[in-house]
Amino acid sequence: MNKSQFLDELRMEVGLVGDYASDLREFYGGIVKAVGNCLHKKSAVALYKTDNFQFQLFTSAGDIHENESEKFGEGPLSLCAIRSRPIILPKDNYNRLFTPFYEGHHLKGIFFIECHCNEYKFTNDDVIFLDEVSRYIESNHQRYKGFQEKYKK
């Protein structure tokens, strides 16, 4: 299967998450699981949320090589946030692709994929895909936030 077909299948799997998720936890977890299920063994995917002056790991699939938390301004998650766009950073034998997602102009988190250098090479198509995933998260975030507020009472 070529990379275009692979990424199209991933888009479909991610898009289906909105059909069954009933809250943000299921939505975020479903996206991470959908992407994680399609990656190689030596790959991982994670979603970090902003929380009290730090990024906190919210959910992951695979063995990630990042810390569970990172203070703002102290690492690659912060670099991605500062640049406000997807970035690729190598570390050891892994390539890591980070992309931020927002609610309005407020940073809500970072979506992250890492792959072993020998297993998968990131290209511009991967950057575009991950940026699309971030936009999908942003466009649906309000939907689940509103659902939670409506049914809290």
C-alpha atoms as a PDB file:
ATOM      1  CA  MET A   1       0.000   0.000   0.000  1.00  0.00           C
ATOM      2  CA  ASN A   2       1.405   3.413  -0.887  1.00  0.00           C
ATOM      3  CA  LYS A   3       1.618   6.300   1.556  1.00  0.00           C
ATOM      4  CA  SER A   4      -1.360   8.186   0.066  1.00  0.00           C
ATOM      5  CA  GLN A   5      -3.634   5.180   0.512  1.00  0.00           C
ATOM      6  CA  PHE A   6      -2.297   4.616   4.026  1.00  0.00           C
ATOM      7  CA  LEU A   7      -2.978   8.221   5.046  1.00  0.00           C
ATOM      8  CA  ASP A   8      -6.441   8.147   3.427  1.00  0.00           C
ATOM      9  CA  GLU A   9      -7.289   5.071   5.510  1.00  0.00           C
ATOM     10  CA  LEU A  10      -6.043   6.858   8.621  1.00  0.00           C
ATOM     11  CA  ARG A  11      -8.214   9.888   7.753  1.00  0.00           C
ATOM     12  CA  MET A  12     -11.235   7.608   7.491  1.00  0.00           C
ATOM     13  CA  GLU A  13     -10.488   5.888  10.819  1.00  0.00           C
ATOM     14  CA  VAL A  14     -10.016   9.237  12.584  1.00  0.00           C
ATOM     15  CA  GLY A  15     -13.192  10.622  11.010  1.00  0.00           C
ATOM     16  CA  LEU A  16     -15.234   7.682  12.303  1.00  0.00           C
ATOM     17  CA  VAL A  17     -14.341   8.528  15.911  1.00  0.00           C
ATOM     18  CA  GLY A  18     -16.881  11.353  15.899  1.00  0.00           C
ATOM     19  CA  ASP A  19     -19.639   8.826  15.146  1.00  0.00           C
ATOM     20  CA  TYR A  20     -19.323   7.032  18.488  1.00  0.00           C
ATOM     21  CA  ALA A  21     -17.571   9.357  20.927  1.00  0.00           C
ATOM     22  CA  SER A  22     -19.879  10.874  23.531  1.00  0.00           C
ATOM     23  CA  ASP A  23     -17.399  13.110  25.366  1.00  0.00           C
ATOM     24  CA  LEU A  24     -13.920  14.591  25.027  1.00  0.00           C
ATOM     25  CA  ARG A  25     -12.251  11.648  26.750  1.00  0.00           C
ATOM     26  CA  GLU A  26     -13.719   9.184  24.220  1.00  0.00           C
ATOM     27  CA  PHE A  27     -13.041  11.576  21.344  1.00  0.00           C
ATOM     28  CA  TYR A  28      -9.370  12.150  22.193  1.00  0.00           C
ATOM     29  CA  GLY A  29      -8.818   8.507  23.114  1.00  0.00           C
ATOM     30  CA  GLY A  30     -10.538   7.292  19.958  1.00  0.00           C
ATOM     31  CA  ILE A  31      -8.338   9.424  17.728  1.00  0.00           C
ATOM     32  CA  VAL A  32      -5.160   8.263  19.452  1.00  0.00           C
ATOM     33  CA  LYS A  33      -6.290   4.635  19.256  1.00  0.00           C
ATOM     34  CA  ALA A  34      -7.305   4.924  15.573  1.00  0.00           C
ATOM     35  CA  VAL A  35      -3.906   6.316  14.592  1.00  0.00           C
ATOM     36  CA  GLY A  36      -2.006   4.028  16.974  1.00  0.00           C
ATOM     37  CA  ASN A  37      -3.629   0.888  15.584  1.00  0.00           C
ATOM     38  CA  CYS A  38      -2.299   1.677  12.105  1.00  0.00           C
ATOM     39  CA  LEU A  39       1.310   2.390  13.014  1.00  0.00           C
ATOM     40  CA  HIS A  40       4.333   0.080  13.131  1.00  0.00           C
ATOM     41  CA  LYS A  41       5.379  -1.703  16.340  1.00  0.00           C
ATOM     42  CA  LYS A  42       8.177   0.777  17.046  1.00  0.00           C
ATOM     43  CA  SER A  43       5.811   3.753  16.821  1.00  0.00           C
ATOM     44  CA  ALA A  44       3.646   5.625  19.270  1.00  0.00           C
ATOM     45  CA  VAL A  45       1.008   8.327  19.320  1.00  0.00           C
ATOM     46  CA  ALA A  46      -0.035  10.596  22.162  1.00  0.00           C
ATOM     47  CA  LEU A  47      -2.176  13.567  23.016  1.00  0.00           C
ATOM     48  CA  TYR A  48      -0.983  16.101  25.577  1.00  0.00           C
ATOM     49  CA  LYS A  49      -3.331  18.667  27.090  1.00  0.00           C
ATOM     50  CA  THR A  50      -2.386  21.978  28.629  1.00  0.00           C
ATOM     51  CA  ASP A  51      -2.862  21.938  32.392  1.00  0.00           C
ATOM     52  CA  ASN A  52      -1.654  24.497  34.962  1.00  0.00           C
ATOM     53  CA  PHE A  53       1.484  25.785  33.215  1.00  0.00           C
ATOM     54  CA  GLN A  54       2.462  22.407  31.785  1.00  0.00           C
ATOM     55  CA  PHE A  55       1.631  19.843  29.144  1.00  0.00           C
ATOM     56  CA  GLN A  56       0.203  16.682  30.645  1.00  0.00           C
ATOM     57  CA  LEU A  57      -0.073  13.351  28.835  1.00  0.00           C
ATOM     58  CA  PHE A  58      -3.786  12.705  28.402  1.00  0.00           C
ATOM     59  CA  THR A  59      -3.760   9.470  26.397  1.00  0.00           C
ATOM     60  CA  SER A  60      -1.324   7.430  24.335  1.00  0.00           C
ATOM     61  CA  ALA A  61      -0.874   4.264  22.290  1.00  0.00           C
ATOM     62  CA  GLY A  62       2.509   2.552  22.139  1.00  0.00           C
ATOM     63  CA  ASP A  63       5.636   3.268  24.128  1.00  0.00           C
ATOM     64  CA  ILE A  64       6.309   6.976  23.865  1.00  0.00           C
ATOM     65  CA  HIS A  65       9.748   8.386  24.553  1.00  0.00           C
ATOM     66  CA  GLU A  66       8.536  11.698  25.963  1.00  0.00           C
ATOM     67  CA  ASN A  67       7.860  12.605  29.575  1.00  0.00           C
ATOM     68  CA  GLU A  68       4.338  12.387  30.942  1.00  0.00           C
ATOM     69  CA  SER A  69       4.487  16.098  31.710  1.00  0.00           C
ATOM     70  CA  GLU A  70       6.506  19.045  30.486  1.00  0.00           C
ATOM     71  CA  LYS A  71       6.564  22.518  31.983  1.00  0.00           C
ATOM     72  CA  PHE A  72       5.816  25.297  29.522  1.00  0.00           C
ATOM     73  CA  GLY A  73       9.019  26.518  27.894  1.00  0.00           C
ATOM     74  CA  GLU A  74      11.122  23.440  28.675  1.00  0.00           C
ATOM     75  CA  GLY A  75      10.959  21.029  25.741  1.00  0.00           C
ATOM     76  CA  PRO A  76       9.701  19.984  22.310  1.00  0.00           C
ATOM     77  CA  LEU A  77       6.011  20.357  23.151  1.00  0.00           C
ATOM     78  CA  SER A  78       6.653  23.982  24.051  1.00  0.00           C
ATOM     79  CA  LEU A  79       8.639  24.509  20.862  1.00  0.00           C
ATOM     80  CA  CYS A  80       5.676  23.248  18.845  1.00  0.00           C
ATOM     81  CA  ALA A  81       3.337  25.542  20.795  1.00  0.00           C
ATOM     82  CA  ILE A  82       5.580  28.566  20.238  1.00  0.00           C
ATOM     83  CA  ARG A  83       5.811  27.904  16.507  1.00  0.00           C
ATOM     84  CA  SER A  84       2.022  27.271  16.306  1.00  0.00           C
ATOM     85  CA  ARG A  85       2.450  24.737  13.524  1.00  0.00           C
ATOM     86  CA  PRO A  86       3.477  21.113  13.009  1.00  0.00           C
ATOM     87  CA  ILE A  87       7.158  20.371  13.543  1.00  0.00           C
ATOM     88  CA  ILE A  88       9.381  17.321  13.047  1.00  0.00           C
ATOM     89  CA  LEU A  89      12.160  16.758  15.590  1.00  0.00           C
ATOM     90  CA  PRO A  90      14.546  13.795  15.697  1.00  0.00           C
ATOM     91  CA  LYS A  91      15.530  12.195  18.998  1.00  0.00           C
ATOM     92  CA  ASP A  92      17.822   9.175  19.259  1.00  0.00           C
ATOM     93  CA  ASN A  93      16.559   6.728  16.607  1.00  0.00           C
ATOM     94  CA  TYR A  94      13.097   8.267  16.401  1.00  0.00           C
ATOM     95  CA  ASN A  95      11.502  10.975  14.325  1.00  0.00           C
ATOM     96  CA  ARG A  96       8.806  12.854  16.193  1.00  0.00           C
ATOM     97  CA  LEU A  97       5.999  14.863  14.644  1.00  0.00           C
ATOM     98  CA  PHE A  98       4.159  17.371  16.846  1.00  0.00           C
ATOM     99  CA  THR A  99       1.156  19.545  16.000  1.00  0.00           C
ATOM    100  CA  PRO A 100      -0.779  21.946  18.244  1.00  0.00           C
ATOM    101  CA  PHE A 101      -4.545  22.242  18.528  1.00  0.00           C
ATOM    102  CA  TYR A 102      -6.518  25.194  19.802  1.00  0.00           C
ATOM    103  CA  GLU A 103      -9.875  26.400  21.047  1.00  0.00           C
ATOM    104  CA  GLY A 104     -10.104  29.805  19.423  1.00  0.00           C
ATOM    105  CA  HIS A 105      -6.666  31.269  20.091  1.00  0.00           C
ATOM    106  CA  HIS A 106      -6.112  29.280  23.317  1.00  0.00           C
ATOM    107  CA  LEU A 107      -3.730  26.348  23.038  1.00  0.00           C
ATOM    108  CA  LYS A 108      -5.528  23.205  24.223  1.00  0.00           C
ATOM    109  CA  GLY A 109      -2.865  20.596  23.512  1.00  0.00           C
ATOM    110  CA  ILE A 110      -0.376  18.878  21.258  1.00  0.00           C
ATOM    111  CA  PHE A 111      -0.952  15.782  19.134  1.00  0.00           C
ATOM    112  CA  PHE A 112       2.224  13.731  18.761  1.00  0.00           C
ATOM    113  CA  ILE A 113       3.469  10.791  16.685  1.00  0.00           C
ATOM    114  CA  GLU A 114       6.885   9.160  16.886  1.00  0.00           C
ATOM    115  CA  CYS A 115       8.250   6.481  14.583  1.00  0.00           C
ATOM    116  CA  HIS A 116      11.531   4.608  14.581  1.00  0.00           C
ATOM    117  CA  CYS A 117      13.758   5.949  11.789  1.00  0.00           C
ATOM    118  CA  ASN A 118      14.100   2.473  10.239  1.00  0.00           C
ATOM    119  CA  GLU A 119      10.350   1.833  10.187  1.00  0.00           C
ATOM    120  CA  TYR A 120       8.795   5.000   8.767  1.00  0.00           C
ATOM    121  CA  LYS A 121       9.969   8.302   7.272  1.00  0.00           C
ATOM    122  CA  PHE A 122       7.863  11.425   7.781  1.00  0.00           C
ATOM    123  CA  THR A 123       7.143  13.450   4.659  1.00  0.00           C
ATOM    124  CA  ASN A 124       5.160  16.582   3.923  1.00  0.00           C
ATOM    125  CA  ASP A 125       2.089  14.337   3.470  1.00  0.00           C
ATOM    126  CA  ASP A 126       2.407  13.219   7.106  1.00  0.00           C
ATOM    127  CA  VAL A 127       2.677  16.825   8.267  1.00  0.00           C
ATOM    128  CA  ILE A 128      -0.463  17.707   6.302  1.00  0.00           C
ATOM    129  CA  PHE A 129      -2.268  14.674   7.732  1.00  0.00           C
ATOM    130  CA  LEU A 130      -1.386  15.516  11.317  1.00  0.00           C
ATOM    131  CA  ASP A 131      -2.376  19.138  10.784  1.00  0.00           C
ATOM    132  CA  GLU A 132      -5.748  17.879   9.477  1.00  0.00           C
ATOM    133  CA  VAL A 133      -6.153  15.767  12.613  1.00  0.00           C
ATOM    134  CA  SER A 134      -5.522  18.866  14.733  1.00  0.00           C
ATOM    135  CA  ARG A 135      -8.129  20.850  12.775  1.00  0.00           C
ATOM    136  CA  TYR A 136     -10.571  17.957  13.229  1.00  0.00           C
ATOM    137  CA  ILE A 137      -9.958  18.027  16.976  1.00  0.00           C
ATOM    138  CA  GLU A 138     -10.483  21.799  17.031  1.00  0.00           C
ATOM    139  CA  SER A 139     -13.708  21.682  15.044  1.00  0.00           C
ATOM    140  CA  ASN A 140     -15.196  18.973  17.259  1.00  0.00           C
ATOM    141  CA  HIS A 141     -13.884  20.193  20.614  1.00  0.00           C
ATOM    142  CA  GLN A 142     -16.817  22.605  21.058  1.00  0.00           C
ATOM    143  CA  ARG A 143     -19.292  19.853  20.177  1.00  0.00           C
ATOM    144  CA  TYR A 144     -18.157  17.684  23.089  1.00  0.00           C
ATOM    145  CA  LYS A 145     -17.599  20.606  25.415  1.00  0.00           C
ATOM    146  CA  GLY A 146     -21.187  21.756  24.788  1.00  0.00           C
ATOM    147  CA  PHE A 147     -22.459  18.199  25.269  1.00  0.00           C
ATOM    148  CA  GLN A 148     -20.730  17.967  28.646  1.00  0.00           C
ATOM    149  CA  GLU A 149     -22.041  21.342  29.842  1.00  0.00           C
ATOM    150  CA  LYS A 150     -25.582  20.548  28.694  1.00  0.00           C
ATOM    151  CA  TYR A 151     -25.718  17.263  30.615  1.00  0.00           C
ATOM    152  CA  LYS A 152     -23.782  18.295  33.739  1.00  0.00           C
ATOM    153  CA  LYS A 153     -26.885  19.713  35.376  1.00  0.00           C
END
